Amino acid sequence: MRYTGPKVRLSRRAGTPLTRKAVSYFEKRPYPPGEHGRRVRRSTSDYAVRQAEKQKLRWYYDLSEKQLARIYENAKKRPGRTGEEIIAELELRLVTVVLRAGFAASIYAARQFINHGHVTVDGKKVDIPSYQVKPGQIIGVREKSRQMVPFVEASEAVHADDKIAGYLAVSHKDLRIAVVDRPKREQVPVPFDEQLVVEYYNR
């Protein structure tokens, strides 16, 4: 199952900010949640370290256990390094593309926009957040959704990062995203060690 509880609490469990909103909270309380959070001793066994990295990746991309395991299996079949292929596949999920382009404040908001039918791929409505986008495809916002406050903000680049991911070409004014390439690891700003995730599944 996907985690549906407080997102800042999740960041504190993970030991790293998982959303923009969590950054300021995490700076104030960089320890696990709960009454004894400051005194919790974390296990440092190899298994615990790999499992923790897997959990961080899962929470960051808002995945269920089953979804991440399936993505790992798909990545193994590709010719590149499995860890890098995991990241590339995660970045090409429609929900991640909408987030990276700055069309949503968080991956949870991006998921909601897609579920509610506001997002299109090549002009057709797609309401599946896990939909795998391919290089050459165009993501947009349905015409009748463009006057909604979140998309007016998106058109003004309110939620956009200072530097848009290199594998996307984004026009905020037109609410248009073009996927120009398959993501390379160095273009993806996730502070995780994907090799530990591969080792977790290879155990």
N, C-alpha and C. Protein backbone atom coordinates (compact mmCIF):
# COMPACT_ATOMS: atom_id res chain seq x y z
N MET A 1 0.83 -1.20 0.00
CA MET A 1 0.00 0.00 0.00
C MET A 1 0.87 1.26 0.00
N ARG A 2 0.33 2.34 -0.62
CA ARG A 2 1.02 3.62 -0.58
C ARG A 2 0.77 4.29 0.76
N TYR A 3 1.75 5.07 1.21
CA TYR A 3 1.62 5.81 2.47
C TYR A 3 0.66 6.98 2.26
N THR A 4 -0.30 7.16 3.18
CA THR A 4 -1.27 8.24 3.05
C THR A 4 -1.31 9.16 4.27
N GLY A 5 -0.36 8.99 5.20
CA GLY A 5 -0.32 9.80 6.41
C GLY A 5 0.37 11.13 6.19
N PRO A 6 0.70 11.84 7.29
CA PRO A 6 1.36 13.15 7.19
C PRO A 6 2.69 13.06 6.45
N LYS A 7 2.88 13.94 5.47
CA LYS A 7 4.05 13.85 4.60
C LYS A 7 5.33 14.33 5.29
N VAL A 8 5.22 15.35 6.16
CA VAL A 8 6.41 15.82 6.87
C VAL A 8 6.90 14.74 7.83
N ARG A 9 5.98 14.07 8.48
CA ARG A 9 6.34 12.97 9.38
C ARG A 9 7.10 11.89 8.61
N LEU A 10 6.67 11.65 7.39
CA LEU A 10 7.32 10.65 6.55
C LEU A 10 8.76 11.07 6.24
N SER A 11 8.96 12.34 5.97
CA SER A 11 10.32 12.85 5.70
C SER A 11 11.22 12.63 6.91
N ARG A 12 10.68 12.85 8.09
CA ARG A 12 11.48 12.67 9.29
C ARG A 12 11.82 11.20 9.51
N ARG A 13 10.90 10.32 9.16
CA ARG A 13 11.19 8.88 9.23
C ARG A 13 12.29 8.52 8.24
N ALA A 14 12.22 9.12 7.06
CA ALA A 14 13.19 8.79 6.00
C ALA A 14 14.57 9.39 6.29
N GLY A 15 14.60 10.47 7.08
CA GLY A 15 15.87 11.13 7.37
C GLY A 15 16.30 12.12 6.31
N THR A 16 15.36 12.49 5.40
CA THR A 16 15.66 13.46 4.36
C THR A 16 14.36 14.08 3.88
N PRO A 17 14.35 15.36 3.48
CA PRO A 17 13.11 15.98 3.00
C PRO A 17 12.62 15.30 1.72
N LEU A 18 11.37 14.89 1.69
CA LEU A 18 10.81 14.20 0.54
C LEU A 18 9.95 15.12 -0.32
N THR A 19 9.62 16.30 0.20
CA THR A 19 8.83 17.29 -0.54
C THR A 19 9.42 18.67 -0.28
N ARG A 20 9.05 19.64 -1.11
CA ARG A 20 9.51 21.01 -0.90
C ARG A 20 9.06 21.53 0.47
N LYS A 21 7.81 21.24 0.81
CA LYS A 21 7.26 21.73 2.07
C LYS A 21 8.03 21.19 3.27
N ALA A 22 8.56 19.97 3.12
CA ALA A 22 9.22 19.33 4.24
C ALA A 22 10.59 19.93 4.55
N VAL A 23 11.17 20.67 3.62
CA VAL A 23 12.53 21.16 3.81
C VAL A 23 12.65 22.01 5.07
N SER A 24 11.76 23.01 5.23
CA SER A 24 11.86 23.90 6.39
C SER A 24 11.54 23.17 7.68
N TYR A 25 10.54 22.28 7.64
CA TYR A 25 10.20 21.51 8.83
C TYR A 25 11.37 20.62 9.23
N PHE A 26 12.01 20.02 8.23
CA PHE A 26 13.08 19.07 8.50
C PHE A 26 14.29 19.76 9.09
N GLU A 27 14.52 21.02 8.69
CA GLU A 27 15.65 21.77 9.25
C GLU A 27 15.47 22.00 10.75
N LYS A 28 14.20 22.12 11.19
CA LYS A 28 13.93 22.36 12.60
C LYS A 28 13.96 21.07 13.41
N ARG A 29 13.52 19.96 12.80
CA ARG A 29 13.43 18.70 13.52
C ARG A 29 14.01 17.56 12.69
N PRO A 30 15.31 17.51 12.52
CA PRO A 30 15.94 16.49 11.67
C PRO A 30 16.14 15.15 12.38
N TYR A 31 15.10 14.68 13.04
CA TYR A 31 15.16 13.40 13.74
C TYR A 31 13.82 12.70 13.58
N PRO A 32 13.77 11.39 13.84
CA PRO A 32 12.53 10.64 13.63
C PRO A 32 11.38 11.20 14.45
N PRO A 33 10.13 11.01 13.99
CA PRO A 33 8.97 11.50 14.72
C PRO A 33 8.72 10.70 15.99
N GLY A 34 7.87 11.24 16.84
CA GLY A 34 7.50 10.51 18.04
C GLY A 34 8.20 11.03 19.28
N GLU A 35 7.69 10.60 20.43
CA GLU A 35 8.20 11.07 21.72
C GLU A 35 9.68 10.79 21.92
N HIS A 36 10.14 9.65 21.38
CA HIS A 36 11.54 9.25 21.60
C HIS A 36 12.38 9.43 20.34
N GLY A 37 11.89 10.24 19.42
CA GLY A 37 12.58 10.40 18.13
C GLY A 37 14.03 10.80 18.24
N ARG A 38 14.34 11.70 19.18
CA ARG A 38 15.73 12.17 19.33
C ARG A 38 16.66 11.06 19.78
N ARG A 39 16.11 10.05 20.48
CA ARG A 39 16.98 9.03 21.08
C ARG A 39 16.97 7.70 20.33
N VAL A 40 16.21 7.64 19.24
CA VAL A 40 16.11 6.38 18.50
C VAL A 40 17.46 5.99 17.91
N ARG A 41 17.86 4.76 18.16
CA ARG A 41 19.08 4.24 17.54
C ARG A 41 18.69 3.44 16.31
N ARG A 42 19.18 3.87 15.18
CA ARG A 42 18.84 3.18 13.94
C ARG A 42 19.79 2.01 13.71
N SER A 43 19.22 0.93 13.21
CA SER A 43 20.03 -0.25 12.90
C SER A 43 20.98 0.09 11.76
N THR A 44 22.21 -0.39 11.85
CA THR A 44 23.18 -0.13 10.80
C THR A 44 23.59 -1.41 10.08
N SER A 45 22.79 -2.46 10.20
CA SER A 45 23.10 -3.68 9.47
C SER A 45 22.97 -3.40 7.97
N ASP A 46 23.66 -4.21 7.15
CA ASP A 46 23.60 -4.03 5.70
C ASP A 46 22.16 -4.08 5.21
N TYR A 47 21.40 -5.04 5.74
CA TYR A 47 20.00 -5.18 5.32
C TYR A 47 19.21 -3.92 5.67
N ALA A 48 19.40 -3.40 6.89
CA ALA A 48 18.65 -2.22 7.34
C ALA A 48 18.98 -1.00 6.47
N VAL A 49 20.24 -0.84 6.11
CA VAL A 49 20.65 0.29 5.28
C VAL A 49 20.00 0.20 3.90
N ARG A 50 20.02 -0.99 3.31
CA ARG A 50 19.42 -1.18 1.98
C ARG A 50 17.89 -1.00 2.04
N GLN A 51 17.30 -1.54 3.08
CA GLN A 51 15.85 -1.40 3.22
C GLN A 51 15.45 0.07 3.40
N ALA A 52 16.22 0.82 4.18
CA ALA A 52 15.92 2.23 4.41
C ALA A 52 16.02 3.02 3.10
N GLU A 53 17.00 2.69 2.27
CA GLU A 53 17.15 3.40 0.99
C GLU A 53 15.99 3.06 0.06
N LYS A 54 15.57 1.82 0.08
CA LYS A 54 14.41 1.41 -0.72
C LYS A 54 13.16 2.15 -0.28
N GLN A 55 12.98 2.28 1.04
CA GLN A 55 11.80 2.97 1.56
C GLN A 55 11.82 4.45 1.18
N LYS A 56 12.99 5.08 1.25
CA LYS A 56 13.08 6.50 0.88
C LYS A 56 12.69 6.70 -0.58
N LEU A 57 13.20 5.82 -1.44
CA LEU A 57 12.87 5.93 -2.86
C LEU A 57 11.37 5.73 -3.08
N ARG A 58 10.81 4.75 -2.39
CA ARG A 58 9.38 4.46 -2.53
C ARG A 58 8.53 5.63 -2.07
N TRP A 59 8.88 6.20 -0.93
CA TRP A 59 8.11 7.33 -0.40
C TRP A 59 8.27 8.58 -1.27
N TYR A 60 9.48 8.80 -1.76
CA TYR A 60 9.73 9.99 -2.58
C TYR A 60 8.85 9.99 -3.83
N TYR A 61 8.73 8.82 -4.44
CA TYR A 61 7.94 8.72 -5.67
C TYR A 61 6.49 8.28 -5.41
N ASP A 62 6.11 8.15 -4.14
CA ASP A 62 4.74 7.82 -3.75
C ASP A 62 4.29 6.50 -4.39
N LEU A 63 5.05 5.44 -4.10
CA LEU A 63 4.80 4.12 -4.69
C LEU A 63 4.37 3.11 -3.63
N SER A 64 3.65 2.10 -4.07
CA SER A 64 3.40 0.95 -3.22
C SER A 64 4.59 0.00 -3.34
N GLU A 65 4.69 -0.95 -2.43
CA GLU A 65 5.76 -1.96 -2.51
C GLU A 65 5.69 -2.72 -3.83
N LYS A 66 4.48 -3.07 -4.22
CA LYS A 66 4.30 -3.85 -5.45
C LYS A 66 4.74 -3.05 -6.68
N GLN A 67 4.43 -1.76 -6.70
CA GLN A 67 4.81 -0.93 -7.84
C GLN A 67 6.33 -0.84 -7.97
N LEU A 68 7.02 -0.62 -6.85
CA LEU A 68 8.47 -0.49 -6.92
C LEU A 68 9.12 -1.82 -7.32
N ALA A 69 8.61 -2.93 -6.81
CA ALA A 69 9.15 -4.24 -7.18
C ALA A 69 8.97 -4.48 -8.68
N ARG A 70 7.83 -4.07 -9.22
CA ARG A 70 7.58 -4.25 -10.66
C ARG A 70 8.52 -3.38 -11.49
N ILE A 71 8.77 -2.15 -11.02
CA ILE A 71 9.69 -1.26 -11.73
C ILE A 71 11.10 -1.84 -11.71
N TYR A 72 11.50 -2.43 -10.60
CA TYR A 72 12.81 -3.09 -10.52
C TYR A 72 12.90 -4.22 -11.54
N GLU A 73 11.87 -5.03 -11.64
CA GLU A 73 11.88 -6.15 -12.59
C GLU A 73 11.97 -5.64 -14.02
N ASN A 74 11.26 -4.56 -14.33
CA ASN A 74 11.33 -3.98 -15.68
C ASN A 74 12.72 -3.43 -15.96
N ALA A 75 13.32 -2.78 -14.95
CA ALA A 75 14.64 -2.18 -15.13
C ALA A 75 15.70 -3.24 -15.39
N LYS A 76 15.56 -4.41 -14.76
CA LYS A 76 16.53 -5.50 -14.96
C LYS A 76 16.59 -5.95 -16.41
N LYS A 77 15.48 -5.80 -17.12
CA LYS A 77 15.41 -6.28 -18.50
C LYS A 77 16.02 -5.30 -19.50
N ARG A 78 16.31 -4.08 -19.05
CA ARG A 78 16.86 -3.08 -19.96
C ARG A 78 18.38 -3.23 -20.01
N PRO A 79 19.02 -2.75 -21.09
CA PRO A 79 20.46 -2.98 -21.27
C PRO A 79 21.36 -2.15 -20.37
N GLY A 80 20.86 -1.06 -19.78
CA GLY A 80 21.71 -0.21 -18.95
C GLY A 80 21.89 -0.74 -17.53
N ARG A 81 22.51 0.04 -16.68
CA ARG A 81 22.67 -0.33 -15.27
C ARG A 81 21.30 -0.33 -14.59
N THR A 82 21.02 -1.37 -13.85
CA THR A 82 19.68 -1.54 -13.30
C THR A 82 19.25 -0.36 -12.42
N GLY A 83 20.15 0.13 -11.57
CA GLY A 83 19.80 1.25 -10.69
C GLY A 83 19.42 2.49 -11.48
N GLU A 84 20.19 2.80 -12.49
CA GLU A 84 19.91 3.97 -13.30
C GLU A 84 18.63 3.80 -14.10
N GLU A 85 18.37 2.58 -14.52
CA GLU A 85 17.12 2.32 -15.25
C GLU A 85 15.90 2.43 -14.34
N ILE A 86 16.07 2.08 -13.06
CA ILE A 86 14.98 2.27 -12.09
C ILE A 86 14.63 3.75 -12.01
N ILE A 87 15.65 4.60 -11.86
CA ILE A 87 15.43 6.03 -11.74
C ILE A 87 14.78 6.58 -13.01
N ALA A 88 15.28 6.15 -14.18
CA ALA A 88 14.73 6.63 -15.45
C ALA A 88 13.25 6.25 -15.58
N GLU A 89 12.92 5.02 -15.21
CA GLU A 89 11.54 4.57 -15.31
C GLU A 89 10.63 5.35 -14.36
N LEU A 90 11.14 5.63 -13.16
CA LEU A 90 10.37 6.42 -12.19
C LEU A 90 10.16 7.84 -12.69
N GLU A 91 11.18 8.41 -13.33
CA GLU A 91 11.07 9.77 -13.82
C GLU A 91 10.13 9.89 -15.01
N LEU A 92 9.90 8.80 -15.72
CA LEU A 92 9.02 8.84 -16.89
C LEU A 92 7.58 8.46 -16.56
N ARG A 93 7.28 8.27 -15.27
CA ARG A 93 5.88 8.12 -14.89
C ARG A 93 5.21 9.49 -15.08
N LEU A 94 3.99 9.49 -15.55
CA LEU A 94 3.31 10.75 -15.84
C LEU A 94 3.27 11.66 -14.62
N VAL A 95 3.04 11.08 -13.45
CA VAL A 95 2.94 11.89 -12.23
C VAL A 95 4.26 12.60 -11.94
N THR A 96 5.39 11.94 -12.20
CA THR A 96 6.69 12.57 -11.95
C THR A 96 6.98 13.66 -12.97
N VAL A 97 6.61 13.43 -14.23
CA VAL A 97 6.83 14.43 -15.27
C VAL A 97 6.05 15.71 -14.95
N VAL A 98 4.80 15.56 -14.51
CA VAL A 98 3.98 16.72 -14.14
C VAL A 98 4.64 17.49 -12.99
N LEU A 99 5.18 16.75 -12.03
CA LEU A 99 5.88 17.39 -10.90
C LEU A 99 7.16 18.08 -11.36
N ARG A 100 8.01 17.39 -12.10
CA ARG A 100 9.29 17.94 -12.54
C ARG A 100 9.11 19.20 -13.38
N ALA A 101 8.02 19.26 -14.14
CA ALA A 101 7.78 20.42 -15.00
C ALA A 101 7.31 21.63 -14.20
N GLY A 102 6.98 21.43 -12.93
CA GLY A 102 6.50 22.54 -12.11
C GLY A 102 5.02 22.80 -12.25
N PHE A 103 4.27 21.80 -12.71
CA PHE A 103 2.82 21.95 -12.85
C PHE A 103 2.09 21.64 -11.55
N ALA A 104 2.80 21.16 -10.55
CA ALA A 104 2.19 20.81 -9.26
C ALA A 104 3.19 21.08 -8.15
N ALA A 105 2.66 21.37 -6.96
CA ALA A 105 3.53 21.68 -5.83
C ALA A 105 4.16 20.45 -5.21
N SER A 106 3.55 19.29 -5.40
CA SER A 106 4.06 18.04 -4.83
C SER A 106 3.61 16.88 -5.70
N ILE A 107 4.20 15.73 -5.47
CA ILE A 107 3.82 14.56 -6.25
C ILE A 107 2.40 14.13 -5.90
N TYR A 108 1.95 14.47 -4.69
CA TYR A 108 0.60 14.12 -4.27
C TYR A 108 -0.42 14.99 -5.02
N ALA A 109 -0.10 16.27 -5.20
CA ALA A 109 -0.96 17.15 -5.98
C ALA A 109 -0.98 16.72 -7.45
N ALA A 110 0.19 16.33 -7.97
CA ALA A 110 0.26 15.88 -9.36
C ALA A 110 -0.60 14.63 -9.57
N ARG A 111 -0.57 13.72 -8.61
CA ARG A 111 -1.39 12.51 -8.68
C ARG A 111 -2.88 12.89 -8.73
N GLN A 112 -3.26 13.84 -7.90
CA GLN A 112 -4.66 14.25 -7.84
C GLN A 112 -5.10 14.89 -9.16
N PHE A 113 -4.26 15.74 -9.74
CA PHE A 113 -4.60 16.38 -11.02
C PHE A 113 -4.84 15.32 -12.10
N ILE A 114 -3.98 14.31 -12.13
CA ILE A 114 -4.11 13.27 -13.14
C ILE A 114 -5.34 12.42 -12.88
N ASN A 115 -5.54 12.02 -11.63
CA ASN A 115 -6.71 11.20 -11.29
C ASN A 115 -8.02 11.89 -11.66
N HIS A 116 -8.04 13.22 -11.54
CA HIS A 116 -9.26 13.97 -11.82
C HIS A 116 -9.42 14.33 -13.30
N GLY A 117 -8.50 13.85 -14.13
CA GLY A 117 -8.67 13.99 -15.57
C GLY A 117 -8.27 15.33 -16.16
N HIS A 118 -7.39 16.06 -15.48
CA HIS A 118 -6.99 17.38 -15.98
C HIS A 118 -5.82 17.33 -16.95
N VAL A 119 -5.14 16.18 -17.03
CA VAL A 119 -3.89 16.09 -17.79
C VAL A 119 -4.08 15.26 -19.07
N THR A 120 -3.42 15.71 -20.13
CA THR A 120 -3.49 14.99 -21.41
C THR A 120 -2.10 14.53 -21.84
N VAL A 121 -2.07 13.47 -22.63
CA VAL A 121 -0.85 13.01 -23.29
C VAL A 121 -1.16 12.90 -24.77
N ASP A 122 -0.43 13.65 -25.58
CA ASP A 122 -0.68 13.73 -27.02
C ASP A 122 -2.15 14.07 -27.30
N GLY A 123 -2.69 14.98 -26.49
CA GLY A 123 -4.04 15.48 -26.72
C GLY A 123 -5.17 14.64 -26.15
N LYS A 124 -4.85 13.50 -25.57
CA LYS A 124 -5.89 12.62 -25.03
C LYS A 124 -5.78 12.56 -23.51
N LYS A 125 -6.93 12.60 -22.85
CA LYS A 125 -6.94 12.56 -21.39
C LYS A 125 -6.35 11.25 -20.89
N VAL A 126 -5.45 11.35 -19.92
CA VAL A 126 -4.88 10.16 -19.27
C VAL A 126 -5.06 10.36 -17.76
N ASP A 127 -5.75 9.43 -17.11
CA ASP A 127 -6.01 9.58 -15.67
C ASP A 127 -5.30 8.51 -14.84
N ILE A 128 -4.18 8.02 -15.36
CA ILE A 128 -3.39 7.00 -14.67
C ILE A 128 -2.04 7.60 -14.31
N PRO A 129 -1.80 7.91 -13.02
CA PRO A 129 -0.53 8.55 -12.62
C PRO A 129 0.71 7.76 -13.00
N SER A 130 0.61 6.43 -13.02
CA SER A 130 1.78 5.59 -13.31
C SER A 130 2.03 5.41 -14.81
N TYR A 131 1.20 6.02 -15.64
CA TYR A 131 1.36 5.91 -17.10
C TYR A 131 2.80 6.25 -17.49
N GLN A 132 3.42 5.37 -18.28
CA GLN A 132 4.81 5.58 -18.70
C GLN A 132 4.86 6.43 -19.96
N VAL A 133 5.43 7.62 -19.81
CA VAL A 133 5.56 8.54 -20.93
C VAL A 133 6.82 8.18 -21.72
N LYS A 134 6.78 8.39 -23.02
CA LYS A 134 7.92 8.07 -23.88
C LYS A 134 8.48 9.35 -24.50
N PRO A 135 9.79 9.36 -24.80
CA PRO A 135 10.36 10.51 -25.50
C PRO A 135 9.58 10.79 -26.78
N GLY A 136 9.29 12.05 -27.02
CA GLY A 136 8.51 12.45 -28.18
C GLY A 136 7.06 12.77 -27.85
N GLN A 137 6.60 12.35 -26.69
CA GLN A 137 5.21 12.62 -26.32
C GLN A 137 5.07 14.01 -25.70
N ILE A 138 3.85 14.55 -25.82
CA ILE A 138 3.55 15.89 -25.34
C ILE A 138 2.49 15.79 -24.24
N ILE A 139 2.79 16.39 -23.10
CA ILE A 139 1.85 16.42 -21.98
C ILE A 139 1.28 17.83 -21.86
N GLY A 140 -0.02 17.92 -21.63
CA GLY A 140 -0.66 19.23 -21.49
C GLY A 140 -1.76 19.19 -20.45
N VAL A 141 -2.49 20.29 -20.37
CA VAL A 141 -3.62 20.43 -19.45
C VAL A 141 -4.87 20.64 -20.29
N ARG A 142 -5.94 19.95 -19.94
CA ARG A 142 -7.19 20.07 -20.70
C ARG A 142 -7.65 21.52 -20.73
N GLU A 143 -8.22 21.93 -21.85
CA GLU A 143 -8.62 23.32 -22.04
C GLU A 143 -9.56 23.80 -20.94
N LYS A 144 -10.52 22.97 -20.57
CA LYS A 144 -11.51 23.41 -19.59
C LYS A 144 -10.95 23.46 -18.16
N SER A 145 -9.73 22.93 -17.97
CA SER A 145 -9.11 22.94 -16.64
C SER A 145 -8.15 24.12 -16.45
N ARG A 146 -7.85 24.82 -17.53
CA ARG A 146 -6.78 25.81 -17.49
C ARG A 146 -7.07 27.04 -16.64
N GLN A 147 -8.33 27.30 -16.35
CA GLN A 147 -8.68 28.47 -15.53
C GLN A 147 -8.71 28.14 -14.04
N MET A 148 -8.49 26.88 -13.70
CA MET A 148 -8.44 26.50 -12.29
C MET A 148 -7.18 27.09 -11.64
N VAL A 149 -7.29 27.47 -10.38
CA VAL A 149 -6.18 28.15 -9.68
C VAL A 149 -4.86 27.39 -9.79
N PRO A 150 -4.83 26.06 -9.55
CA PRO A 150 -3.53 25.37 -9.63
C PRO A 150 -2.85 25.50 -10.99
N PHE A 151 -3.65 25.56 -12.06
CA PHE A 151 -3.04 25.61 -13.39
C PHE A 151 -2.73 27.05 -13.81
N VAL A 152 -3.45 28.01 -13.25
CA VAL A 152 -3.06 29.41 -13.44
C VAL A 152 -1.69 29.62 -12.78
N GLU A 153 -1.52 29.04 -11.57
CA GLU A 153 -0.23 29.11 -10.90
C GLU A 153 0.85 28.41 -11.71
N ALA A 154 0.50 27.25 -12.28
CA ALA A 154 1.47 26.51 -13.09
C ALA A 154 1.90 27.32 -14.31
N SER A 155 0.96 28.05 -14.91
CA SER A 155 1.28 28.86 -16.09
C SER A 155 2.19 30.02 -15.74
N GLU A 156 2.22 30.39 -14.46
CA GLU A 156 3.09 31.46 -13.98
C GLU A 156 4.38 30.90 -13.36
N ALA A 157 4.58 29.59 -13.50
CA ALA A 157 5.78 28.89 -13.01
C ALA A 157 5.98 29.05 -11.50
N VAL A 158 4.86 29.11 -10.76
CA VAL A 158 4.94 29.29 -9.31
C VAL A 158 5.68 28.14 -8.64
N HIS A 159 5.48 26.92 -9.13
CA HIS A 159 6.06 25.75 -8.49
C HIS A 159 7.29 25.20 -9.23
N ALA A 160 7.74 25.90 -10.24
CA ALA A 160 8.84 25.39 -11.05
C ALA A 160 10.17 25.53 -10.33
N ASP A 161 11.05 24.57 -10.52
CA ASP A 161 12.42 24.67 -10.00
C ASP A 161 13.19 25.71 -10.81
N ASP A 162 14.29 26.17 -10.26
CA ASP A 162 15.11 27.15 -10.97
C ASP A 162 15.60 26.60 -12.30
N LYS A 163 15.86 25.30 -12.31
CA LYS A 163 16.34 24.65 -13.54
C LYS A 163 15.46 23.43 -13.83
N ILE A 164 14.81 23.45 -14.99
CA ILE A 164 13.94 22.34 -15.38
C ILE A 164 14.80 21.15 -15.81
N ALA A 165 14.34 19.95 -15.49
CA ALA A 165 15.05 18.72 -15.86
C ALA A 165 15.42 18.73 -17.34
N GLY A 166 16.65 18.33 -17.65
CA GLY A 166 17.18 18.42 -19.00
C GLY A 166 16.48 17.54 -20.02
N TYR A 167 15.73 16.56 -19.59
CA TYR A 167 15.03 15.68 -20.53
C TYR A 167 13.62 16.16 -20.84
N LEU A 168 13.26 17.35 -20.31
CA LEU A 168 11.95 17.94 -20.58
C LEU A 168 12.12 19.30 -21.23
N ALA A 169 11.20 19.64 -22.15
CA ALA A 169 11.10 20.99 -22.69
C ALA A 169 9.74 21.51 -22.25
N VAL A 170 9.76 22.55 -21.42
CA VAL A 170 8.53 23.00 -20.77
C VAL A 170 8.18 24.43 -21.17
N SER A 171 6.92 24.64 -21.52
CA SER A 171 6.37 25.98 -21.71
C SER A 171 5.29 26.17 -20.66
N HIS A 172 5.61 26.92 -19.61
CA HIS A 172 4.61 27.14 -18.57
C HIS A 172 3.44 27.97 -19.10
N LYS A 173 3.74 28.95 -19.91
CA LYS A 173 2.69 29.80 -20.47
C LYS A 173 1.66 28.98 -21.23
N ASP A 174 2.14 28.00 -22.00
CA ASP A 174 1.24 27.16 -22.80
C ASP A 174 0.79 25.90 -22.07
N LEU A 175 1.29 25.71 -20.84
CA LEU A 175 1.00 24.50 -20.06
C LEU A 175 1.30 23.26 -20.91
N ARG A 176 2.51 23.22 -21.41
CA ARG A 176 2.92 22.17 -22.34
C ARG A 176 4.27 21.60 -21.92
N ILE A 177 4.37 20.28 -21.92
CA ILE A 177 5.61 19.58 -21.58
C ILE A 177 5.94 18.63 -22.72
N ALA A 178 7.14 18.72 -23.25
CA ALA A 178 7.61 17.77 -24.25
C ALA A 178 8.70 16.91 -23.61
N VAL A 179 8.56 15.60 -23.72
CA VAL A 179 9.60 14.69 -23.24
C VAL A 179 10.58 14.51 -24.39
N VAL A 180 11.78 15.05 -24.23
CA VAL A 180 12.73 15.07 -25.35
C VAL A 180 13.74 13.94 -25.30
N ASP A 181 13.88 13.28 -24.17
CA ASP A 181 14.89 12.23 -24.07
C ASP A 181 14.58 11.35 -22.87
N ARG A 182 15.20 10.19 -22.83
CA ARG A 182 15.10 9.34 -21.65
C ARG A 182 16.03 9.93 -20.58
N PRO A 183 15.56 10.05 -19.33
CA PRO A 183 16.39 10.70 -18.30
C PRO A 183 17.72 10.01 -18.07
N LYS A 184 18.77 10.81 -17.89
CA LYS A 184 20.07 10.30 -17.48
C LYS A 184 20.21 10.54 -15.98
N ARG A 185 20.94 9.67 -15.32
CA ARG A 185 21.00 9.74 -13.85
C ARG A 185 21.46 11.10 -13.34
N GLU A 186 22.45 11.70 -14.02
CA GLU A 186 22.98 12.97 -13.55
C GLU A 186 21.97 14.12 -13.69
N GLN A 187 20.89 13.89 -14.44
CA GLN A 187 19.87 14.92 -14.61
C GLN A 187 18.77 14.84 -13.55
N VAL A 188 18.83 13.82 -12.72
CA VAL A 188 17.75 13.56 -11.77
C VAL A 188 18.18 13.94 -10.35
N PRO A 189 17.53 14.92 -9.74
CA PRO A 189 17.97 15.44 -8.45
C PRO A 189 17.42 14.67 -7.25
N VAL A 190 17.58 13.35 -7.23
CA VAL A 190 17.14 12.59 -6.06
C VAL A 190 18.37 12.17 -5.25
N PRO A 191 18.39 12.49 -3.97
CA PRO A 191 19.58 12.25 -3.14
C PRO A 191 19.62 10.84 -2.56
N PHE A 192 19.44 9.84 -3.42
CA PHE A 192 19.41 8.47 -2.96
C PHE A 192 20.48 7.64 -3.67
N ASP A 193 20.81 6.51 -3.08
CA ASP A 193 21.77 5.59 -3.69
C ASP A 193 20.98 4.43 -4.26
N GLU A 194 20.68 4.52 -5.54
CA GLU A 194 19.83 3.49 -6.17
C GLU A 194 20.50 2.12 -6.19
N GLN A 195 21.85 2.08 -6.10
CA GLN A 195 22.53 0.79 -6.08
C GLN A 195 22.16 0.00 -4.84
N LEU A 196 21.93 0.69 -3.72
CA LEU A 196 21.50 0.01 -2.51
C LEU A 196 20.11 -0.61 -2.69
N VAL A 197 19.28 0.04 -3.49
CA VAL A 197 17.95 -0.49 -3.78
C VAL A 197 18.07 -1.77 -4.60
N VAL A 198 18.98 -1.74 -5.58
CA VAL A 198 19.23 -2.95 -6.40
C VAL A 198 19.72 -4.08 -5.50
N GLU A 199 20.64 -3.76 -4.60
CA GLU A 199 21.17 -4.79 -3.69
C GLU A 199 20.09 -5.32 -2.76
N TYR A 200 19.16 -4.47 -2.36
CA TYR A 200 18.04 -4.92 -1.52
C TYR A 200 17.23 -6.00 -2.26
N TYR A 201 16.93 -5.75 -3.53
CA TYR A 201 16.12 -6.72 -4.28
C TYR A 201 16.93 -7.94 -4.70
N ASN A 202 18.25 -7.79 -4.76
CA ASN A 202 19.10 -8.93 -5.15
C ASN A 202 19.45 -9.85 -3.98
N ARG A 203 19.04 -9.50 -2.79
CA ARG A 203 19.48 -10.24 -1.60
C ARG A 203 19.01 -11.68 -1.64
